Amino acid sequence: MMVTHNYEDALFLANKLAILIEGEIQQIGPLDKVMHHPKNPFIQRLLHPIMNCKGEC
């Protein structure tokens, strides 16, 4: 297990991802599923910049 706030580390190292908001797990699952199917608007806004990145981030 690894805890990070660095998107690049998470995307490079993880095969499973958990997103916490105020200390509570909001979504957990395989990296692809979490990235492409956010469970709520907050997670969608959090991941939006990453999903729109074209390899330049």
N, C-alpha and C. Protein backbone atom coordinates (compact mmCIF):
# COMPACT_ATOMS: atom_id res chain seq x y z
N MET A 1 0.84 -1.16 0.00
CA MET A 1 0.00 0.00 0.00
C MET A 1 0.90 1.24 0.00
N MET A 2 0.43 2.25 -0.70
CA MET A 2 1.15 3.53 -0.77
C MET A 2 0.12 4.65 -0.66
N VAL A 3 0.46 5.67 0.07
CA VAL A 3 -0.41 6.85 0.18
C VAL A 3 0.31 8.00 -0.50
N THR A 4 -0.39 8.68 -1.41
CA THR A 4 0.22 9.80 -2.11
C THR A 4 -0.83 10.83 -2.50
N HIS A 5 -0.39 12.05 -2.66
CA HIS A 5 -1.23 13.10 -3.22
C HIS A 5 -0.75 13.43 -4.63
N ASN A 6 0.24 12.69 -5.09
CA ASN A 6 0.85 12.92 -6.40
C ASN A 6 0.17 12.05 -7.44
N TYR A 7 -0.54 12.70 -8.38
CA TYR A 7 -1.26 11.96 -9.42
C TYR A 7 -0.34 11.08 -10.25
N GLU A 8 0.82 11.60 -10.62
CA GLU A 8 1.74 10.84 -11.46
C GLU A 8 2.18 9.55 -10.77
N ASP A 9 2.50 9.64 -9.48
CA ASP A 9 2.89 8.44 -8.74
C ASP A 9 1.75 7.43 -8.72
N ALA A 10 0.57 7.90 -8.42
CA ALA A 10 -0.59 7.00 -8.34
C ALA A 10 -0.85 6.32 -9.68
N LEU A 11 -0.82 7.07 -10.76
CA LEU A 11 -1.12 6.50 -12.07
C LEU A 11 -0.04 5.54 -12.54
N PHE A 12 1.21 5.81 -12.17
CA PHE A 12 2.32 4.97 -12.59
C PHE A 12 2.42 3.69 -11.76
N LEU A 13 2.16 3.79 -10.46
CA LEU A 13 2.42 2.68 -9.55
C LEU A 13 1.19 1.84 -9.20
N ALA A 14 0.02 2.42 -9.31
CA ALA A 14 -1.17 1.74 -8.77
C ALA A 14 -1.84 0.81 -9.76
N ASN A 15 -2.41 -0.27 -9.23
CA ASN A 15 -3.34 -1.08 -10.01
C ASN A 15 -4.72 -1.02 -9.35
N LYS A 16 -4.75 -0.49 -8.13
CA LYS A 16 -5.99 -0.27 -7.40
C LYS A 16 -5.89 1.11 -6.76
N LEU A 17 -7.01 1.83 -6.72
CA LEU A 17 -6.99 3.21 -6.25
C LEU A 17 -8.14 3.44 -5.27
N ALA A 18 -7.84 4.18 -4.21
CA ALA A 18 -8.88 4.60 -3.27
C ALA A 18 -8.85 6.12 -3.20
N ILE A 19 -10.01 6.73 -3.26
CA ILE A 19 -10.11 8.18 -3.14
C ILE A 19 -10.79 8.49 -1.82
N LEU A 20 -10.09 9.26 -0.99
CA LEU A 20 -10.62 9.65 0.31
C LEU A 20 -10.99 11.11 0.29
N ILE A 21 -12.10 11.43 0.91
CA ILE A 21 -12.54 12.80 1.08
C ILE A 21 -12.82 12.99 2.56
N GLU A 22 -12.09 13.90 3.16
CA GLU A 22 -12.20 14.17 4.60
C GLU A 22 -12.06 12.89 5.42
N GLY A 23 -11.10 12.04 5.03
CA GLY A 23 -10.80 10.84 5.79
C GLY A 23 -11.70 9.65 5.54
N GLU A 24 -12.67 9.77 4.66
CA GLU A 24 -13.57 8.66 4.36
C GLU A 24 -13.40 8.21 2.92
N ILE A 25 -13.32 6.89 2.73
CA ILE A 25 -13.19 6.35 1.38
C ILE A 25 -14.47 6.61 0.61
N GLN A 26 -14.34 7.31 -0.50
CA GLN A 26 -15.48 7.62 -1.35
C GLN A 26 -15.59 6.64 -2.53
N GLN A 27 -14.44 6.16 -3.00
CA GLN A 27 -14.44 5.21 -4.10
C GLN A 27 -13.16 4.41 -4.03
N ILE A 28 -13.28 3.12 -4.28
CA ILE A 28 -12.14 2.23 -4.30
C ILE A 28 -12.36 1.20 -5.39
N GLY A 29 -11.29 0.87 -6.09
CA GLY A 29 -11.41 -0.14 -7.13
C GLY A 29 -10.22 -0.12 -8.06
N PRO A 30 -10.29 -0.93 -9.12
CA PRO A 30 -9.22 -0.94 -10.10
C PRO A 30 -9.02 0.45 -10.69
N LEU A 31 -7.78 0.79 -10.98
CA LEU A 31 -7.43 2.13 -11.45
C LEU A 31 -8.30 2.56 -12.64
N ASP A 32 -8.40 1.71 -13.66
CA ASP A 32 -9.19 2.08 -14.84
C ASP A 32 -10.66 2.36 -14.51
N LYS A 33 -11.23 1.54 -13.65
CA LYS A 33 -12.64 1.72 -13.30
C LYS A 33 -12.86 3.04 -12.55
N VAL A 34 -11.99 3.33 -11.59
CA VAL A 34 -12.12 4.58 -10.83
C VAL A 34 -11.93 5.78 -11.75
N MET A 35 -10.93 5.71 -12.62
CA MET A 35 -10.63 6.83 -13.50
C MET A 35 -11.75 7.09 -14.51
N HIS A 36 -12.37 6.04 -15.02
CA HIS A 36 -13.37 6.20 -16.08
C HIS A 36 -14.81 6.19 -15.60
N HIS A 37 -15.02 5.84 -14.33
CA HIS A 37 -16.38 5.79 -13.79
C HIS A 37 -16.43 6.37 -12.38
N PRO A 38 -16.14 7.68 -12.24
CA PRO A 38 -16.19 8.28 -10.90
C PRO A 38 -17.60 8.20 -10.32
N LYS A 39 -17.67 7.92 -9.01
CA LYS A 39 -18.96 7.69 -8.36
C LYS A 39 -19.74 8.95 -8.00
N ASN A 40 -19.05 10.08 -7.93
CA ASN A 40 -19.79 11.29 -7.56
C ASN A 40 -19.15 12.52 -8.23
N PRO A 41 -19.85 13.64 -8.22
CA PRO A 41 -19.34 14.84 -8.90
C PRO A 41 -18.00 15.34 -8.36
N PHE A 42 -17.74 15.19 -7.07
CA PHE A 42 -16.47 15.64 -6.51
C PHE A 42 -15.31 14.85 -7.12
N ILE A 43 -15.46 13.54 -7.18
CA ILE A 43 -14.41 12.70 -7.76
C ILE A 43 -14.25 13.01 -9.24
N GLN A 44 -15.34 13.24 -9.92
CA GLN A 44 -15.28 13.59 -11.34
C GLN A 44 -14.48 14.88 -11.54
N ARG A 45 -14.73 15.89 -10.71
CA ARG A 45 -13.98 17.15 -10.82
C ARG A 45 -12.51 16.95 -10.45
N LEU A 46 -12.25 16.10 -9.48
CA LEU A 46 -10.89 15.81 -9.05
C LEU A 46 -10.09 15.15 -10.18
N LEU A 47 -10.72 14.23 -10.88
CA LEU A 47 -10.02 13.46 -11.92
C LEU A 47 -10.06 14.12 -13.30
N HIS A 48 -10.93 15.08 -13.50
CA HIS A 48 -11.10 15.72 -14.81
C HIS A 48 -9.79 16.22 -15.42
N PRO A 49 -8.95 16.94 -14.67
CA PRO A 49 -7.69 17.43 -15.27
C PRO A 49 -6.79 16.28 -15.73
N ILE A 50 -6.80 15.18 -15.01
CA ILE A 50 -5.97 14.04 -15.36
C ILE A 50 -6.48 13.38 -16.63
N MET A 51 -7.80 13.24 -16.72
CA MET A 51 -8.40 12.57 -17.87
C MET A 51 -8.22 13.40 -19.15
N ASN A 52 -8.08 14.71 -19.02
CA ASN A 52 -7.91 15.58 -20.19
C ASN A 52 -6.45 15.81 -20.53
N CYS A 53 -5.57 15.25 -19.75
CA CYS A 53 -4.14 15.42 -19.98
C CYS A 53 -3.73 14.59 -21.20
N LYS A 54 -2.93 15.18 -22.04
CA LYS A 54 -2.50 14.50 -23.25
C LYS A 54 -1.04 14.10 -23.17
N GLY A 55 -0.63 13.50 -22.06
CA GLY A 55 0.74 13.07 -21.89
C GLY A 55 1.71 14.20 -21.58
N GLU A 56 1.19 15.38 -21.32
CA GLU A 56 2.04 16.53 -21.04
C GLU A 56 2.01 16.92 -19.57
N CYS A 57 1.30 16.20 -18.76
CA CYS A 57 1.15 16.55 -17.35
C CYS A 57 2.23 15.91 -16.50
